[in-house]
């Protein structure tokens, strides 16, 4: 199953995807767009969980008059709700990583949800893991930029192909490819195809799903690690929601005086 010790210590000093290592699976191709969207979710979540952002949340956002009036005056309640919301976002991100893993031909990436659940029970952040995850996420974001550019250029390629067909078939059926209008369109089309091929090589499009999974798994570890650090260490243990408790948590239970137990609710605005 995915998540063995060898992968947790994977050498990612070389931030390019490994080549000649993964023999199973197909190139991401059009699936690269979905993978890119998942990477963006993970990167955005990791950034929102940074020490500075959590500090801003605790010292500026939650104590604000509007939040206190509309939700609760109890800071522990507000912090638990914020932690719960971030856990929800992490669940969505992890769920997408698991879904991609289950699509791999290599069975080691199947059922990663079981592994992530065990990982979420750990309370001690790992500095090395955080650094690895940040490095990996930085490389994935770089690939996402190329993938986004590729999407734009694929649309442009489609537009140029339609223009060429329209000029050649509909408007000028008797023109040969050497005629000036078509020659210009053909040259532009050829140039665009070359540009698209180049972007495919630089983006997620040309990567193998199993290769991407190795990076996505590390990223998921990293987001979980940052969540643990900044909601357990920085904000306080009373606001931290581990995965095993999260599965039993509801918004109503977040307002209890003794979180996780049956108790009278704290002051919550109607």
C-alpha atoms as a PDB file:
ATOM      1  CA  UNK A   1       0.000   0.000   0.000  1.00  0.00           C
ATOM      2  CA  UNK A   2       1.101   3.580  -0.615  1.00  0.00           C
ATOM      3  CA  UNK A   3       2.901   5.505   2.057  1.00  0.00           C
ATOM      4  CA  UNK A   4       5.686   3.121   2.998  1.00  0.00           C
ATOM      5  CA  UNK A   5       8.787   4.346   4.792  1.00  0.00           C
ATOM      6  CA  UNK A   6      10.913   4.416   1.674  1.00  0.00           C
ATOM      7  CA  UNK A   7       8.676   7.024   0.101  1.00  0.00           C
ATOM      8  CA  UNK A   8       8.554   9.147   3.234  1.00  0.00           C
ATOM      9  CA  UNK A   9      12.292   9.626   2.945  1.00  0.00           C
ATOM     10  CA  UNK A  10      12.252  10.069  -0.813  1.00  0.00           C
ATOM     11  CA  UNK A  11      15.047  12.267  -2.091  1.00  0.00           C
ATOM     12  CA  UNK A  12      13.405  15.303  -3.655  1.00  0.00           C
ATOM     13  CA  UNK A  13      16.482  17.509  -3.817  1.00  0.00           C
ATOM     14  CA  UNK A  14      16.203  16.979  -7.554  1.00  0.00           C
ATOM     15  CA  UNK A  15      12.879  18.700  -8.107  1.00  0.00           C
ATOM     16  CA  UNK A  16      12.309  17.333 -11.607  1.00  0.00           C
ATOM     17  CA  UNK A  17      10.096  14.278 -12.010  1.00  0.00           C
ATOM     18  CA  UNK A  18      12.004  11.014 -12.045  1.00  0.00           C
ATOM     19  CA  UNK A  19      12.552   9.474 -15.433  1.00  0.00           C
ATOM     20  CA  UNK A  20      13.131   5.832 -16.211  1.00  0.00           C
ATOM     21  CA  UNK A  21      11.893   4.789 -12.755  1.00  0.00           C
ATOM     22  CA  UNK A  22       8.143   4.370 -13.103  1.00  0.00           C
ATOM     23  CA  UNK A  23       7.320   1.725 -15.672  1.00  0.00           C
ATOM     24  CA  UNK A  24       3.570   1.483 -15.137  1.00  0.00           C
ATOM     25  CA  UNK A  25       0.818   3.865 -16.098  1.00  0.00           C
ATOM     26  CA  UNK A  26       0.026   6.268 -18.859  1.00  0.00           C
ATOM     27  CA  UNK A  27       0.725   9.949 -19.370  1.00  0.00           C
ATOM     28  CA  UNK A  28      -1.698  12.285 -17.660  1.00  0.00           C
ATOM     29  CA  UNK A  29      -2.689  14.057 -20.893  1.00  0.00           C
ATOM     30  CA  UNK A  30      -6.111  15.665 -20.416  1.00  0.00           C
ATOM     31  CA  UNK A  31      -6.218  14.445 -16.792  1.00  0.00           C
ATOM     32  CA  UNK A  32      -3.393  16.916 -16.131  1.00  0.00           C
ATOM     33  CA  UNK A  33      -5.996  19.697 -15.917  1.00  0.00           C
ATOM     34  CA  UNK A  34      -7.749  17.941 -13.020  1.00  0.00           C
ATOM     35  CA  UNK A  35      -4.431  17.231 -11.324  1.00  0.00           C
ATOM     36  CA  UNK A  36      -3.439  20.889 -11.732  1.00  0.00           C
ATOM     37  CA  UNK A  37      -6.675  22.015 -10.061  1.00  0.00           C
ATOM     38  CA  UNK A  38      -5.982  19.676  -7.137  1.00  0.00           C
ATOM     39  CA  UNK A  39      -2.455  21.036  -6.778  1.00  0.00           C
ATOM     40  CA  UNK A  40      -3.833  24.576  -6.664  1.00  0.00           C
ATOM     41  CA  UNK A  41      -6.220  23.541  -3.874  1.00  0.00           C
ATOM     42  CA  UNK A  42      -3.368  22.035  -1.896  1.00  0.00           C
ATOM     43  CA  UNK A  43      -1.065  25.008  -2.403  1.00  0.00           C
ATOM     44  CA  UNK A  44      -3.795  27.476  -1.438  1.00  0.00           C
ATOM     45  CA  UNK A  45      -4.637  25.459   1.673  1.00  0.00           C
ATOM     46  CA  UNK A  46      -0.994  25.177   2.703  1.00  0.00           C
ATOM     47  CA  UNK A  47      -0.574  28.934   2.332  1.00  0.00           C
ATOM     48  CA  UNK A  48      -3.711  29.638   4.364  1.00  0.00           C
ATOM     49  CA  UNK A  49      -2.284  27.464   7.135  1.00  0.00           C
ATOM     50  CA  UNK A  50       1.002  29.339   7.330  1.00  0.00           C
ATOM     51  CA  UNK A  51       2.051  30.699  10.704  1.00  0.00           C
ATOM     52  CA  UNK A  52       1.437  34.294   9.636  1.00  0.00           C
ATOM     53  CA  UNK A  53      -2.030  33.564   8.261  1.00  0.00           C
ATOM     54  CA  UNK A  54      -3.086  31.598  11.338  1.00  0.00           C
ATOM     55  CA  UNK A  55      -1.771  34.428  13.527  1.00  0.00           C
ATOM     56  CA  UNK A  56      -3.785  36.951  11.475  1.00  0.00           C
ATOM     57  CA  UNK A  57      -6.843  34.737  11.841  1.00  0.00           C
ATOM     58  CA  UNK A  58      -6.413  34.536  15.606  1.00  0.00           C
ATOM     59  CA  UNK A  59      -5.469  38.158  16.281  1.00  0.00           C
ATOM     60  CA  UNK A  60      -7.411  40.097  13.632  1.00  0.00           C
ATOM     61  CA  UNK A  61     -10.200  38.154  11.932  1.00  0.00           C
ATOM     62  CA  UNK A  62     -11.795  36.208  14.781  1.00  0.00           C
ATOM     63  CA  UNK A  63     -11.693  39.021  17.387  1.00  0.00           C
ATOM     64  CA  UNK A  64     -13.397  41.384  14.927  1.00  0.00           C
ATOM     65  CA  UNK A  65     -16.719  42.835  16.007  1.00  0.00           C
ATOM     66  CA  UNK A  66     -18.638  41.327  13.116  1.00  0.00           C
ATOM     67  CA  UNK A  67     -17.413  37.766  13.702  1.00  0.00           C
ATOM     68  CA  UNK A  68     -17.963  38.033  17.462  1.00  0.00           C
ATOM     69  CA  UNK A  69     -21.492  39.379  16.952  1.00  0.00           C
ATOM     70  CA  UNK A  70     -22.600  36.947  14.226  1.00  0.00           C
ATOM     71  CA  UNK A  71     -21.020  33.738  15.491  1.00  0.00           C
ATOM     72  CA  UNK A  72     -19.686  33.694  19.051  1.00  0.00           C
ATOM     73  CA  UNK A  73     -17.750  35.696  21.611  1.00  0.00           C
ATOM     74  CA  UNK A  74     -15.917  32.582  22.753  1.00  0.00           C
ATOM     75  CA  UNK A  75     -12.487  32.474  21.073  1.00  0.00           C
ATOM     76  CA  UNK A  76     -12.121  28.735  21.691  1.00  0.00           C
ATOM     77  CA  UNK A  77     -15.341  28.132  19.787  1.00  0.00           C
ATOM     78  CA  UNK A  78     -14.258  30.389  16.930  1.00  0.00           C
ATOM     79  CA  UNK A  79     -10.853  28.728  16.687  1.00  0.00           C
ATOM     80  CA  UNK A  80     -12.419  25.262  16.705  1.00  0.00           C
ATOM     81  CA  UNK A  81     -14.777  26.282  13.905  1.00  0.00           C
ATOM     82  CA  UNK A  82     -11.842  27.672  11.917  1.00  0.00           C
ATOM     83  CA  UNK A  83      -9.870  24.477  12.527  1.00  0.00           C
ATOM     84  CA  UNK A  84     -12.887  22.402  11.486  1.00  0.00           C
ATOM     85  CA  UNK A  85     -13.257  24.371   8.249  1.00  0.00           C
ATOM     86  CA  UNK A  86      -9.584  23.845   7.416  1.00  0.00           C
ATOM     87  CA  UNK A  87      -9.937  20.153   8.196  1.00  0.00           C
ATOM     88  CA  UNK A  88     -12.853  20.083   5.741  1.00  0.00           C
ATOM     89  CA  UNK A  89     -10.658  21.640   3.046  1.00  0.00           C
ATOM     90  CA  UNK A  90      -7.911  19.139   3.834  1.00  0.00           C
ATOM     91  CA  UNK A  91     -10.430  16.316   3.513  1.00  0.00           C
ATOM     92  CA  UNK A  92     -11.371  17.508   0.022  1.00  0.00           C
ATOM     93  CA  UNK A  93      -7.733  17.816  -1.040  1.00  0.00           C
ATOM     94  CA  UNK A  94      -6.811  14.401   0.376  1.00  0.00           C
ATOM     95  CA  UNK A  95      -9.907  12.878  -1.230  1.00  0.00           C
ATOM     96  CA  UNK A  96      -8.806  14.048  -4.655  1.00  0.00           C
ATOM     97  CA  UNK A  97      -5.289  12.688  -4.086  1.00  0.00           C
ATOM     98  CA  UNK A  98      -6.820   9.347  -3.077  1.00  0.00           C
ATOM     99  CA  UNK A  99      -9.012   9.357  -6.194  1.00  0.00           C
ATOM    100  CA  UNK A 100      -6.012   9.873  -8.455  1.00  0.00           C
ATOM    101  CA  UNK A 101      -4.140   7.144  -6.598  1.00  0.00           C
ATOM    102  CA  UNK A 102      -6.956   4.676  -7.207  1.00  0.00           C
ATOM    103  CA  UNK A 103      -6.706   5.404 -10.942  1.00  0.00           C
ATOM    104  CA  UNK A 104      -3.057   4.342 -11.037  1.00  0.00           C
ATOM    105  CA  UNK A 105      -2.127   1.016 -12.595  1.00  0.00           C
ATOM    106  CA  UNK A 106       0.466   0.524  -9.868  1.00  0.00           C
ATOM    107  CA  UNK A 107      -1.457  -0.868  -6.847  1.00  0.00           C
ATOM    108  CA  UNK A 108       0.903   0.735  -4.317  1.00  0.00           C
ATOM    109  CA  UNK A 109      -1.048   3.965  -4.794  1.00  0.00           C
ATOM    110  CA  UNK A 110      -4.458   2.389  -4.177  1.00  0.00           C
ATOM    111  CA  UNK A 111      -6.442   3.027  -0.967  1.00  0.00           C
ATOM    112  CA  UNK A 112      -4.254   5.869   0.258  1.00  0.00           C
ATOM    113  CA  UNK A 113      -7.158   7.052   2.400  1.00  0.00           C
ATOM    114  CA  UNK A 114      -6.312   4.328   4.918  1.00  0.00           C
ATOM    115  CA  UNK A 115      -2.739   5.539   5.119  1.00  0.00           C
ATOM    116  CA  UNK A 116      -3.703   9.224   5.372  1.00  0.00           C
ATOM    117  CA  UNK A 117      -6.080   8.363   8.221  1.00  0.00           C
ATOM    118  CA  UNK A 118      -3.235   6.809  10.194  1.00  0.00           C
ATOM    119  CA  UNK A 119      -0.986   9.752   9.363  1.00  0.00           C
ATOM    120  CA  UNK A 120      -3.580  12.164  10.712  1.00  0.00           C
ATOM    121  CA  UNK A 121      -3.356  10.583  14.173  1.00  0.00           C
ATOM    122  CA  UNK A 122       0.192  11.853  14.628  1.00  0.00           C
ATOM    123  CA  UNK A 123       0.437  15.064  16.644  1.00  0.00           C
ATOM    124  CA  UNK A 124       4.153  15.787  16.325  1.00  0.00           C
ATOM    125  CA  UNK A 125       5.053  17.977  13.311  1.00  0.00           C
ATOM    126  CA  UNK A 126       8.167  17.010  11.402  1.00  0.00           C
ATOM    127  CA  UNK A 127      10.409  19.818  10.203  1.00  0.00           C
ATOM    128  CA  UNK A 128      12.016  17.748   7.453  1.00  0.00           C
ATOM    129  CA  UNK A 129       8.597  16.726   6.154  1.00  0.00           C
ATOM    130  CA  UNK A 130       7.499  20.364   6.021  1.00  0.00           C
ATOM    131  CA  UNK A 131      10.595  21.339   4.045  1.00  0.00           C
ATOM    132  CA  UNK A 132      10.158  18.428   1.628  1.00  0.00           C
ATOM    133  CA  UNK A 133       6.508  19.290   1.121  1.00  0.00           C
ATOM    134  CA  UNK A 134       7.252  22.961   0.476  1.00  0.00           C
ATOM    135  CA  UNK A 135       9.928  22.050  -2.070  1.00  0.00           C
ATOM    136  CA  UNK A 136       7.618  19.561  -3.759  1.00  0.00           C
ATOM    137  CA  UNK A 137       4.672  21.947  -3.774  1.00  0.00           C
ATOM    138  CA  UNK A 138       6.860  24.647  -5.283  1.00  0.00           C
ATOM    139  CA  UNK A 139       7.804  22.339  -8.146  1.00  0.00           C
ATOM    140  CA  UNK A 140       4.195  21.270  -8.672  1.00  0.00           C
ATOM    141  CA  UNK A 141       3.082  24.909  -8.815  1.00  0.00           C
ATOM    142  CA  UNK A 142       5.729  25.473 -11.486  1.00  0.00           C
ATOM    143  CA  UNK A 143       4.222  22.623 -13.519  1.00  0.00           C
ATOM    144  CA  UNK A 144       0.741  24.017 -12.929  1.00  0.00           C
ATOM    145  CA  UNK A 145       1.791  27.320 -14.476  1.00  0.00           C
ATOM    146  CA  UNK A 146       2.904  25.524 -17.627  1.00  0.00           C
ATOM    147  CA  UNK A 147      -0.305  23.467 -17.596  1.00  0.00           C
ATOM    148  CA  UNK A 148      -2.438  26.605 -17.354  1.00  0.00           C
ATOM    149  CA  UNK A 149      -0.494  28.119 -20.255  1.00  0.00           C
ATOM    150  CA  UNK A 150      -0.983  24.890 -22.189  1.00  0.00           C
ATOM    151  CA  UNK A 151      -4.763  25.074 -21.713  1.00  0.00           C
ATOM    152  CA  UNK A 152      -4.771  28.580 -23.137  1.00  0.00           C
ATOM    153  CA  UNK A 153      -2.581  27.613 -26.089  1.00  0.00           C
ATOM    154  CA  UNK A 154      -4.692  24.531 -26.845  1.00  0.00           C
ATOM    155  CA  UNK A 155      -7.685  26.829 -27.217  1.00  0.00           C
ATOM    156  CA  UNK A 156      -5.635  29.057 -29.484  1.00  0.00           C
ATOM    157  CA  UNK A 157      -4.575  26.023 -31.521  1.00  0.00           C
ATOM    158  CA  UNK A 158      -8.194  25.003 -31.945  1.00  0.00           C
ATOM    159  CA  UNK A 159      -9.054  28.523 -33.093  1.00  0.00           C
ATOM    160  CA  UNK A 160      -6.251  28.520 -35.672  1.00  0.00           C
ATOM    161  CA  UNK A 161      -7.213  25.059 -36.956  1.00  0.00           C
ATOM    162  CA  UNK A 162     -10.801  26.192 -37.430  1.00  0.00           C
ATOM    163  CA  UNK A 163      -9.635  29.345 -39.227  1.00  0.00           C
ATOM    164  CA  UNK A 164      -7.467  27.290 -41.552  1.00  0.00           C
ATOM    165  CA  UNK A 165     -10.261  24.841 -42.371  1.00  0.00           C
ATOM    166  CA  UNK A 166     -12.739  27.668 -42.864  1.00  0.00           C
ATOM    167  CA  UNK A 167     -10.389  29.490 -45.250  1.00  0.00           C
ATOM    168  CA  UNK A 168      -9.441  26.357 -47.131  1.00  0.00           C
ATOM    169  CA  UNK A 169     -12.794  24.575 -47.385  1.00  0.00           C
ATOM    170  CA  UNK A 170     -15.604  27.054 -46.944  1.00  0.00           C
ATOM    171  CA  UNK A 171     -14.438  30.381 -48.288  1.00  0.00           C
ATOM    172  CA  UNK A 172     -11.750  29.382 -50.808  1.00  0.00           C
ATOM    173  CA  UNK A 173     -12.310  25.759 -51.879  1.00  0.00           C
ATOM    174  CA  UNK A 174     -10.162  26.177 -54.996  1.00  0.00           C
ATOM    175  CA  UNK A 175      -7.084  27.567 -53.255  1.00  0.00           C
ATOM    176  CA  UNK A 176      -4.046  25.341 -52.937  1.00  0.00           C
ATOM    177  CA  UNK A 177      -1.988  25.242 -49.730  1.00  0.00           C
ATOM    178  CA  UNK A 178       0.650  27.387 -51.448  1.00  0.00           C
ATOM    179  CA  UNK A 179      -1.686  30.356 -52.001  1.00  0.00           C
ATOM    180  CA  UNK A 180      -0.774  33.405 -49.845  1.00  0.00           C
ATOM    181  CA  UNK A 181      -3.744  33.446 -47.402  1.00  0.00           C
ATOM    182  CA  UNK A 182      -3.488  29.745 -46.715  1.00  0.00           C
ATOM    183  CA  UNK A 183       0.304  29.828 -46.581  1.00  0.00           C
ATOM    184  CA  UNK A 184       0.159  32.384 -43.770  1.00  0.00           C
ATOM    185  CA  UNK A 185      -2.461  30.405 -41.845  1.00  0.00           C
ATOM    186  CA  UNK A 186      -0.517  27.181 -42.376  1.00  0.00           C
ATOM    187  CA  UNK A 187       2.681  28.766 -41.035  1.00  0.00           C
ATOM    188  CA  UNK A 188       0.846  30.132 -38.002  1.00  0.00           C
ATOM    189  CA  UNK A 189      -0.783  26.761 -37.407  1.00  0.00           C
ATOM    190  CA  UNK A 190       2.551  24.957 -37.642  1.00  0.00           C
ATOM    191  CA  UNK A 191       4.136  27.396 -35.199  1.00  0.00           C
ATOM    192  CA  UNK A 192       1.254  27.002 -32.745  1.00  0.00           C
ATOM    193  CA  UNK A 193       1.474  23.205 -32.876  1.00  0.00           C
ATOM    194  CA  UNK A 194       5.173  23.391 -32.118  1.00  0.00           C
ATOM    195  CA  UNK A 195       4.512  25.690 -29.156  1.00  0.00           C
ATOM    196  CA  UNK A 196       1.845  23.319 -27.809  1.00  0.00           C
ATOM    197  CA  UNK A 197       4.175  20.331 -28.111  1.00  0.00           C
ATOM    198  CA  UNK A 198       6.808  22.222 -26.148  1.00  0.00           C
ATOM    199  CA  UNK A 199       4.351  23.112 -23.376  1.00  0.00           C
ATOM    200  CA  UNK A 200       3.131  19.535 -23.144  1.00  0.00           C
ATOM    201  CA  UNK A 201       6.687  18.431 -22.382  1.00  0.00           C
ATOM    202  CA  UNK A 202       7.102  21.146 -19.704  1.00  0.00           C
ATOM    203  CA  UNK A 203       3.716  20.707 -18.044  1.00  0.00           C
ATOM    204  CA  UNK A 204       1.833  17.979 -16.214  1.00  0.00           C
ATOM    205  CA  UNK A 205       0.497  16.760 -19.549  1.00  0.00           C
ATOM    206  CA  UNK A 206       3.521  14.549 -20.240  1.00  0.00           C
ATOM    207  CA  UNK A 207       3.909  13.204 -16.692  1.00  0.00           C
ATOM    208  CA  UNK A 208       2.943   9.705 -15.621  1.00  0.00           C
ATOM    209  CA  UNK A 209       0.151   9.535 -13.041  1.00  0.00           C
ATOM    210  CA  UNK A 210       2.304   7.409 -10.732  1.00  0.00           C
ATOM    211  CA  UNK A 211       5.028  10.071 -10.879  1.00  0.00           C
ATOM    212  CA  UNK A 212       2.550  12.776 -10.002  1.00  0.00           C
ATOM    213  CA  UNK A 213       1.220  10.684  -7.132  1.00  0.00           C
ATOM    214  CA  UNK A 214       4.660  10.544  -5.512  1.00  0.00           C
ATOM    215  CA  UNK A 215       4.617  14.341  -5.355  1.00  0.00           C
ATOM    216  CA  UNK A 216       0.953  14.665  -4.390  1.00  0.00           C
ATOM    217  CA  UNK A 217       1.418  12.260  -1.490  1.00  0.00           C
ATOM    218  CA  UNK A 218       4.302  14.312  -0.088  1.00  0.00           C
ATOM    219  CA  UNK A 219       2.178  17.452  -0.515  1.00  0.00           C
ATOM    220  CA  UNK A 220      -0.681  15.879   1.427  1.00  0.00           C
ATOM    221  CA  UNK A 221       1.728  14.970   4.213  1.00  0.00           C
ATOM    222  CA  UNK A 222       2.953  18.548   4.227  1.00  0.00           C
ATOM    223  CA  UNK A 223      -0.495  20.118   4.464  1.00  0.00           C
ATOM    224  CA  UNK A 224      -1.415  17.758   7.312  1.00  0.00           C
ATOM    225  CA  UNK A 225       1.870  18.628   9.009  1.00  0.00           C
ATOM    226  CA  UNK A 226       1.291  22.390   8.737  1.00  0.00           C
ATOM    227  CA  UNK A 227      -2.277  21.971   9.973  1.00  0.00           C
ATOM    228  CA  UNK A 228      -1.043  20.034  12.998  1.00  0.00           C
ATOM    229  CA  UNK A 229       1.703  22.536  13.751  1.00  0.00           C
ATOM    230  CA  UNK A 230      -0.359  25.698  13.489  1.00  0.00           C
ATOM    231  CA  UNK A 231      -3.609  24.500  15.048  1.00  0.00           C
ATOM    232  CA  UNK A 232      -2.065  22.279  17.693  1.00  0.00           C
ATOM    233  CA  UNK A 233       1.171  24.081  18.524  1.00  0.00           C
ATOM    234  CA  UNK A 234       0.573  27.716  17.506  1.00  0.00           C
ATOM    235  CA  UNK A 235      -3.100  28.218  18.366  1.00  0.00           C
ATOM    236  CA  UNK A 236      -3.543  25.638  21.096  1.00  0.00           C
ATOM    237  CA  UNK A 237      -4.365  21.993  21.618  1.00  0.00           C
ATOM    238  CA  UNK A 238      -8.006  22.783  22.449  1.00  0.00           C
ATOM    239  CA  UNK A 239      -8.587  23.887  18.865  1.00  0.00           C
ATOM    240  CA  UNK A 240      -6.772  21.059  17.113  1.00  0.00           C
ATOM    241  CA  UNK A 241      -9.014  18.486  15.410  1.00  0.00           C
ATOM    242  CA  UNK A 242      -7.256  15.209  14.566  1.00  0.00           C
ATOM    243  CA  UNK A 243      -8.746  13.060  11.826  1.00  0.00           C
ATOM    244  CA  UNK A 244     -10.178  10.472  14.196  1.00  0.00           C
ATOM    245  CA  UNK A 245     -12.094  13.168  16.116  1.00  0.00           C
ATOM    246  CA  UNK A 246     -13.006  15.080  12.951  1.00  0.00           C
ATOM    247  CA  UNK A 247     -15.051  12.116  11.684  1.00  0.00           C
ATOM    248  CA  UNK A 248     -17.280  12.424  14.779  1.00  0.00           C
ATOM    249  CA  UNK A 249     -17.403  16.216  14.829  1.00  0.00           C
ATOM    250  CA  UNK A 250     -20.368  18.420  13.935  1.00  0.00           C
ATOM    251  CA  UNK A 251     -20.729  22.184  14.075  1.00  0.00           C
ATOM    252  CA  UNK A 252     -22.957  21.871  17.121  1.00  0.00           C
ATOM    253  CA  UNK A 253     -20.305  19.897  18.999  1.00  0.00           C
ATOM    254  CA  UNK A 254     -17.759  22.627  18.269  1.00  0.00           C
ATOM    255  CA  UNK A 255     -19.677  24.946  20.585  1.00  0.00           C
ATOM    256  CA  UNK A 256     -19.500  22.630  23.595  1.00  0.00           C
ATOM    257  CA  UNK A 257     -17.630  23.778  26.667  1.00  0.00           C
ATOM    258  CA  UNK A 258     -15.786  20.460  26.661  1.00  0.00           C
ATOM    259  CA  UNK A 259     -15.102  19.759  23.030  1.00  0.00           C
ATOM    260  CA  UNK A 260     -15.781  16.126  22.137  1.00  0.00           C
ATOM    261  CA  UNK A 261     -18.008  15.539  25.153  1.00  0.00           C
ATOM    262  CA  UNK A 262     -21.660  16.189  25.918  1.00  0.00           C
ATOM    263  CA  UNK A 263     -21.866  19.580  27.587  1.00  0.00           C
ATOM    264  CA  UNK A 264     -23.898  22.755  27.683  1.00  0.00           C
ATOM    265  CA  UNK A 265     -23.208  25.064  24.727  1.00  0.00           C
ATOM    266  CA  UNK A 266     -21.166  28.214  25.096  1.00  0.00           C
ATOM    267  CA  UNK A 267     -22.458  31.634  24.119  1.00  0.00           C
ATOM    268  CA  UNK A 268     -23.344  31.272  20.454  1.00  0.00           C
ATOM    269  CA  UNK A 269     -25.161  33.957  18.539  1.00  0.00           C
ATOM    270  CA  UNK A 270     -28.576  32.944  17.162  1.00  0.00           C
END
